[in-house]
C-alpha atoms as a PDB file:
ATOM      1  CA  UNK A   1     116.043  42.360 108.175  1.00  0.00           C
ATOM      2  CA  UNK A   2     119.528  43.270 107.443  1.00  0.00           C
ATOM      3  CA  UNK A   3     120.607  46.992 107.434  1.00  0.00           C
ATOM      4  CA  UNK A   4     123.296  48.431 105.339  1.00  0.00           C
ATOM      5  CA  UNK A   5     125.840  50.960 106.776  1.00  0.00           C
ATOM      6  CA  UNK A   6     123.919  54.088 105.246  1.00  0.00           C
ATOM      7  CA  UNK A   7     120.654  52.900 107.052  1.00  0.00           C
ATOM      8  CA  UNK A   8     122.383  52.262 110.216  1.00  0.00           C
ATOM      9  CA  UNK A   9     123.984  55.417 110.308  1.00  0.00           C
ATOM     10  CA  UNK A  10     120.593  57.256 109.318  1.00  0.00           C
ATOM     11  CA  UNK A  11     118.671  55.595 111.928  1.00  0.00           C
ATOM     12  CA  UNK A  12     121.395  56.455 114.503  1.00  0.00           C
ATOM     13  CA  UNK A  13     121.230  60.157 113.803  1.00  0.00           C
ATOM     14  CA  UNK A  14     117.475  60.441 113.090  1.00  0.00           C
ATOM     15  CA  UNK A  15     115.646  62.882 115.362  1.00  0.00           C
ATOM     16  CA  UNK A  16     118.947  64.295 116.892  1.00  0.00           C
ATOM     17  CA  UNK A  17     118.944  67.952 117.495  1.00  0.00           C
ATOM     18  CA  UNK A  18     121.500  70.006 115.855  1.00  0.00           C
ATOM     19  CA  UNK A  19     123.573  70.190 119.019  1.00  0.00           C
ATOM     20  CA  UNK A  20     123.509  66.365 119.273  1.00  0.00           C
ATOM     21  CA  UNK A  21     124.722  66.148 115.491  1.00  0.00           C
ATOM     22  CA  UNK A  22     127.483  68.663 116.220  1.00  0.00           C
ATOM     23  CA  UNK A  23     128.706  66.481 119.119  1.00  0.00           C
ATOM     24  CA  UNK A  24     128.300  63.325 117.112  1.00  0.00           C
ATOM     25  CA  UNK A  25     130.578  64.830 114.316  1.00  0.00           C
ATOM     26  CA  UNK A  26     133.163  66.514 116.700  1.00  0.00           C
ATOM     27  CA  UNK A  27     133.445  63.513 118.665  1.00  0.00           C
ATOM     28  CA  UNK A  28     134.096  61.440 115.565  1.00  0.00           C
ATOM     29  CA  UNK A  29     136.757  63.696 113.953  1.00  0.00           C
ATOM     30  CA  UNK A  30     140.388  62.686 114.890  1.00  0.00           C
ATOM     31  CA  UNK A  31     139.190  59.407 116.836  1.00  0.00           C
ATOM     32  CA  UNK A  32     139.043  55.922 115.814  1.00  0.00           C
ATOM     33  CA  UNK A  33     139.021  54.978 112.256  1.00  0.00           C
ATOM     34  CA  UNK A  34     135.839  53.057 112.574  1.00  0.00           C
ATOM     35  CA  UNK A  35     134.088  56.450 112.729  1.00  0.00           C
ATOM     36  CA  UNK A  36     135.110  57.505 109.402  1.00  0.00           C
ATOM     37  CA  UNK A  37     132.482  55.432 107.399  1.00  0.00           C
ATOM     38  CA  UNK A  38     129.818  57.140 109.556  1.00  0.00           C
ATOM     39  CA  UNK A  39     131.470  60.315 108.735  1.00  0.00           C
ATOM     40  CA  UNK A  40     131.282  59.587 105.037  1.00  0.00           C
ATOM     41  CA  UNK A  41     127.639  58.783 105.115  1.00  0.00           C
ATOM     42  CA  UNK A  42     126.675  61.881 106.913  1.00  0.00           C
ATOM     43  CA  UNK A  43     129.000  63.890 104.432  1.00  0.00           C
ATOM     44  CA  UNK A  44     127.239  62.186 101.401  1.00  0.00           C
ATOM     45  CA  UNK A  45     123.816  63.409 102.872  1.00  0.00           C
ATOM     46  CA  UNK A  46     125.230  67.010 103.123  1.00  0.00           C
ATOM     47  CA  UNK A  47     126.724  66.737  99.505  1.00  0.00           C
ATOM     48  CA  UNK A  48     123.396  65.599  98.136  1.00  0.00           C
ATOM     49  CA  UNK A  49     121.478  68.555  99.584  1.00  0.00           C
ATOM     50  CA  UNK A  50     124.080  71.130  98.709  1.00  0.00           C
ATOM     51  CA  UNK A  51     124.226  73.680  95.819  1.00  0.00           C
ATOM     52  CA  UNK A  52     126.751  73.601  93.200  1.00  0.00           C
ATOM     53  CA  UNK A  53     128.425  76.514  94.823  1.00  0.00           C
ATOM     54  CA  UNK A  54     128.421  74.954  98.318  1.00  0.00           C
ATOM     55  CA  UNK A  55     130.044  71.676  96.611  1.00  0.00           C
ATOM     56  CA  UNK A  56     132.737  73.658  94.940  1.00  0.00           C
ATOM     57  CA  UNK A  57     133.438  75.501  98.101  1.00  0.00           C
ATOM     58  CA  UNK A  58     133.876  72.246 100.077  1.00  0.00           C
ATOM     59  CA  UNK A  59     136.078  70.730  97.236  1.00  0.00           C
ATOM     60  CA  UNK A  60     138.002  73.849  97.547  1.00  0.00           C
ATOM     61  CA  UNK A  61     138.413  73.714 101.167  1.00  0.00           C
ATOM     62  CA  UNK A  62     139.425  69.871 100.995  1.00  0.00           C
ATOM     63  CA  UNK A  63     142.001  70.856  98.330  1.00  0.00           C
ATOM     64  CA  UNK A  64     143.441  73.480 100.457  1.00  0.00           C
ATOM     65  CA  UNK A  65     143.600  71.159 103.470  1.00  0.00           C
ATOM     66  CA  UNK A  66     145.311  68.369 101.424  1.00  0.00           C
ATOM     67  CA  UNK A  67     147.838  70.969 100.148  1.00  0.00           C
ATOM     68  CA  UNK A  68     148.824  71.945 103.781  1.00  0.00           C
ATOM     69  CA  UNK A  69     149.444  68.440 105.119  1.00  0.00           C
END
């Protein structure tokens, strides 16, 4: 059975505690580029479960960060 990237990431983080998930995210940020697709999958999960207001806030934050750099 062949797993796609989304399934592989979901399986990797399934059952992790909030502390473990925090560690996964924090250790991925600013490190090797190969971690970026995994962060994208996690962001997709967050996005899908977010309200319109939360999505707007995330986009505003992203826009602000892109304007600074």
